[in-house]
Amino acid sequence: MGAQSISSYTVIYMLSEGEVRVTKKGEYRDSMGPGKLFGELAILYNCTRTATIKAVGNVKVKTEQRNISIAVV
């Protein structure tokens, strides 16, 4: 499978295999391995993604879709 770009703001990702690198504005910030979550800030704060995640080799990622409802009173 080729590289994929995922940008949905309602999905949380969990890395199940492999390693990814985290960059922000092109600057390296961290590496993450199996069991790490990412994408949660965009859901929690209803904002755009704050970092870029790139695979280092092959990775497997599990996703969890969140349906968010906001009540206006």
N, C-alpha and C. Protein backbone atom coordinates (compact mmCIF):
# COMPACT_ATOMS: atom_id res chain seq x y z
N MET A 1 0.84 -1.17 0.00
CA MET A 1 0.00 0.00 0.00
C MET A 1 0.88 1.24 0.00
N GLY A 2 0.50 2.24 -0.78
CA GLY A 2 1.28 3.46 -0.87
C GLY A 2 1.00 4.42 0.26
N ALA A 3 1.69 5.53 0.25
CA ALA A 3 1.50 6.56 1.28
C ALA A 3 0.11 7.15 1.18
N GLN A 4 -0.46 7.46 2.33
CA GLN A 4 -1.79 8.06 2.36
C GLN A 4 -1.74 9.32 3.19
N SER A 5 -2.52 10.28 2.79
CA SER A 5 -2.66 11.51 3.55
C SER A 5 -4.05 11.50 4.18
N ILE A 6 -4.11 11.61 5.49
CA ILE A 6 -5.37 11.57 6.20
C ILE A 6 -5.51 12.87 6.97
N SER A 7 -6.64 13.57 6.81
CA SER A 7 -6.76 14.85 7.49
C SER A 7 -8.13 15.07 8.14
N SER A 8 -8.89 14.00 8.35
CA SER A 8 -10.19 14.16 8.99
C SER A 8 -10.01 14.63 10.42
N TYR A 9 -10.81 15.63 10.81
CA TYR A 9 -10.69 16.18 12.16
C TYR A 9 -11.58 15.46 13.16
N THR A 10 -12.20 14.35 12.76
CA THR A 10 -13.06 13.60 13.67
C THR A 10 -12.54 12.19 13.91
N VAL A 11 -11.27 11.97 13.65
CA VAL A 11 -10.68 10.64 13.79
C VAL A 11 -9.49 10.71 14.72
N ILE A 12 -9.43 9.74 15.64
CA ILE A 12 -8.27 9.54 16.51
C ILE A 12 -7.51 8.34 15.95
N TYR A 13 -6.20 8.41 15.95
CA TYR A 13 -5.37 7.35 15.41
C TYR A 13 -4.55 6.70 16.51
N MET A 14 -4.40 5.36 16.43
CA MET A 14 -3.51 4.64 17.34
C MET A 14 -2.54 3.83 16.51
N LEU A 15 -1.28 4.05 16.74
CA LEU A 15 -0.23 3.34 16.02
C LEU A 15 -0.13 1.93 16.59
N SER A 16 -0.39 0.92 15.76
CA SER A 16 -0.33 -0.46 16.26
C SER A 16 0.97 -1.16 15.87
N GLU A 17 1.61 -0.73 14.79
CA GLU A 17 2.90 -1.30 14.39
C GLU A 17 3.72 -0.23 13.69
N GLY A 18 5.03 -0.27 13.91
CA GLY A 18 5.93 0.64 13.22
C GLY A 18 6.25 1.89 14.01
N GLU A 19 6.83 2.85 13.31
CA GLU A 19 7.27 4.10 13.93
C GLU A 19 6.89 5.27 13.04
N VAL A 20 6.53 6.39 13.66
CA VAL A 20 6.25 7.62 12.93
C VAL A 20 7.08 8.76 13.52
N ARG A 21 7.29 9.77 12.70
CA ARG A 21 7.98 10.98 13.14
C ARG A 21 6.98 12.12 13.19
N VAL A 22 7.12 12.95 14.20
CA VAL A 22 6.23 14.09 14.39
C VAL A 22 7.02 15.36 14.06
N THR A 23 6.45 16.18 13.17
CA THR A 23 7.07 17.47 12.86
C THR A 23 6.02 18.56 13.02
N LYS A 24 6.49 19.76 13.30
CA LYS A 24 5.62 20.92 13.39
C LYS A 24 6.32 22.05 12.66
N LYS A 25 5.65 22.59 11.64
CA LYS A 25 6.23 23.63 10.79
C LYS A 25 7.58 23.19 10.23
N GLY A 26 7.67 21.90 9.87
CA GLY A 26 8.87 21.35 9.26
C GLY A 26 9.97 20.97 10.24
N GLU A 27 9.80 21.26 11.51
CA GLU A 27 10.82 20.98 12.52
C GLU A 27 10.50 19.68 13.26
N TYR A 28 11.49 18.79 13.36
CA TYR A 28 11.32 17.52 14.07
C TYR A 28 10.98 17.77 15.53
N ARG A 29 9.95 17.05 16.03
CA ARG A 29 9.54 17.19 17.42
C ARG A 29 9.70 15.91 18.22
N ASP A 30 9.36 14.74 17.61
CA ASP A 30 9.34 13.50 18.38
C ASP A 30 9.18 12.31 17.43
N SER A 31 9.41 11.12 17.96
CA SER A 31 9.09 9.86 17.28
C SER A 31 8.12 9.11 18.17
N MET A 32 7.24 8.34 17.55
CA MET A 32 6.28 7.56 18.32
C MET A 32 6.25 6.13 17.79
N GLY A 33 5.98 5.20 18.72
CA GLY A 33 5.89 3.79 18.36
C GLY A 33 4.55 3.21 18.74
N PRO A 34 4.42 1.89 18.65
CA PRO A 34 3.16 1.20 18.92
C PRO A 34 2.52 1.62 20.25
N GLY A 35 1.19 1.79 20.20
CA GLY A 35 0.43 2.14 21.38
C GLY A 35 0.19 3.63 21.55
N LYS A 36 0.88 4.44 20.78
CA LYS A 36 0.73 5.90 20.90
C LYS A 36 -0.49 6.39 20.11
N LEU A 37 -1.18 7.37 20.66
CA LEU A 37 -2.34 7.99 20.03
C LEU A 37 -1.94 9.33 19.42
N PHE A 38 -2.62 9.70 18.33
CA PHE A 38 -2.46 11.05 17.79
C PHE A 38 -3.74 11.46 17.10
N GLY A 39 -3.93 12.75 16.95
CA GLY A 39 -5.13 13.30 16.33
C GLY A 39 -6.19 13.72 17.32
N GLU A 40 -5.94 13.52 18.59
CA GLU A 40 -6.95 13.80 19.62
C GLU A 40 -7.16 15.30 19.85
N LEU A 41 -6.14 16.10 19.67
CA LEU A 41 -6.28 17.54 19.93
C LEU A 41 -7.29 18.20 19.01
N ALA A 42 -7.31 17.78 17.75
CA ALA A 42 -8.25 18.37 16.80
C ALA A 42 -9.69 18.09 17.22
N ILE A 43 -9.92 16.94 17.82
CA ILE A 43 -11.27 16.60 18.29
C ILE A 43 -11.59 17.34 19.58
N LEU A 44 -10.68 17.30 20.52
CA LEU A 44 -10.94 17.91 21.82
C LEU A 44 -11.14 19.42 21.74
N TYR A 45 -10.37 20.08 20.88
CA TYR A 45 -10.42 21.53 20.81
C TYR A 45 -11.06 22.07 19.53
N ASN A 46 -11.61 21.16 18.70
CA ASN A 46 -12.26 21.55 17.45
C ASN A 46 -11.36 22.48 16.64
N CYS A 47 -10.13 22.04 16.43
CA CYS A 47 -9.15 22.85 15.71
C CYS A 47 -8.53 22.04 14.58
N THR A 48 -7.73 22.70 13.77
CA THR A 48 -7.00 22.00 12.72
C THR A 48 -5.88 21.20 13.34
N ARG A 49 -5.33 20.30 12.59
CA ARG A 49 -4.21 19.48 13.08
C ARG A 49 -3.05 20.38 13.46
N THR A 50 -2.36 20.02 14.54
CA THR A 50 -1.28 20.87 15.04
C THR A 50 0.10 20.36 14.67
N ALA A 51 0.19 19.16 14.09
CA ALA A 51 1.49 18.59 13.72
C ALA A 51 1.31 17.69 12.50
N THR A 52 2.43 17.32 11.91
CA THR A 52 2.44 16.39 10.78
C THR A 52 3.06 15.08 11.25
N ILE A 53 2.41 13.98 10.91
CA ILE A 53 2.88 12.64 11.27
C ILE A 53 3.30 11.94 9.99
N LYS A 54 4.53 11.43 9.94
CA LYS A 54 5.02 10.70 8.77
C LYS A 54 5.58 9.36 9.19
N ALA A 55 5.22 8.33 8.42
CA ALA A 55 5.68 6.97 8.71
C ALA A 55 7.16 6.83 8.44
N VAL A 56 7.83 6.04 9.28
CA VAL A 56 9.21 5.65 9.07
C VAL A 56 9.14 4.17 8.68
N GLY A 57 9.08 3.90 7.40
CA GLY A 57 8.86 2.53 6.94
C GLY A 57 7.38 2.20 6.95
N ASN A 58 7.07 0.91 7.08
CA ASN A 58 5.68 0.45 7.09
C ASN A 58 5.08 0.59 8.48
N VAL A 59 3.85 1.04 8.53
CA VAL A 59 3.13 1.17 9.80
C VAL A 59 1.72 0.64 9.65
N LYS A 60 1.13 0.28 10.78
CA LYS A 60 -0.29 -0.06 10.83
C LYS A 60 -0.92 0.88 11.85
N VAL A 61 -2.05 1.47 11.45
CA VAL A 61 -2.73 2.45 12.29
C VAL A 61 -4.19 2.04 12.44
N LYS A 62 -4.67 2.06 13.68
CA LYS A 62 -6.09 1.83 13.93
C LYS A 62 -6.75 3.19 14.08
N THR A 63 -7.98 3.30 13.62
CA THR A 63 -8.69 4.58 13.72
C THR A 63 -9.96 4.42 14.53
N GLU A 64 -10.35 5.50 15.15
CA GLU A 64 -11.60 5.55 15.90
C GLU A 64 -12.32 6.83 15.49
N GLN A 65 -13.47 6.67 14.89
CA GLN A 65 -14.29 7.80 14.44
C GLN A 65 -15.08 8.34 15.63
N ARG A 66 -15.10 9.63 15.79
CA ARG A 66 -15.86 10.28 16.85
C ARG A 66 -16.93 11.16 16.23
N ASN A 67 -18.17 10.93 16.64
CA ASN A 67 -19.26 11.80 16.22
C ASN A 67 -19.45 12.82 17.32
N ILE A 68 -19.35 14.06 16.97
CA ILE A 68 -19.40 15.13 17.97
C ILE A 68 -20.67 15.95 17.75
N SER A 69 -21.40 16.12 18.81
CA SER A 69 -22.59 16.95 18.77
C SER A 69 -22.42 18.10 19.75
N ILE A 70 -22.81 19.27 19.31
CA ILE A 70 -22.75 20.43 20.18
C ILE A 70 -24.17 20.95 20.37
N ALA A 71 -24.57 21.05 21.60
CA ALA A 71 -25.92 21.55 21.89
C ALA A 71 -25.86 23.04 22.11
N VAL A 72 -26.75 23.76 21.51
CA VAL A 72 -26.85 25.20 21.70
C VAL A 72 -28.11 25.47 22.52
N VAL A 73 -27.94 26.11 23.66
CA VAL A 73 -29.07 26.38 24.56
C VAL A 73 -29.42 27.84 24.51
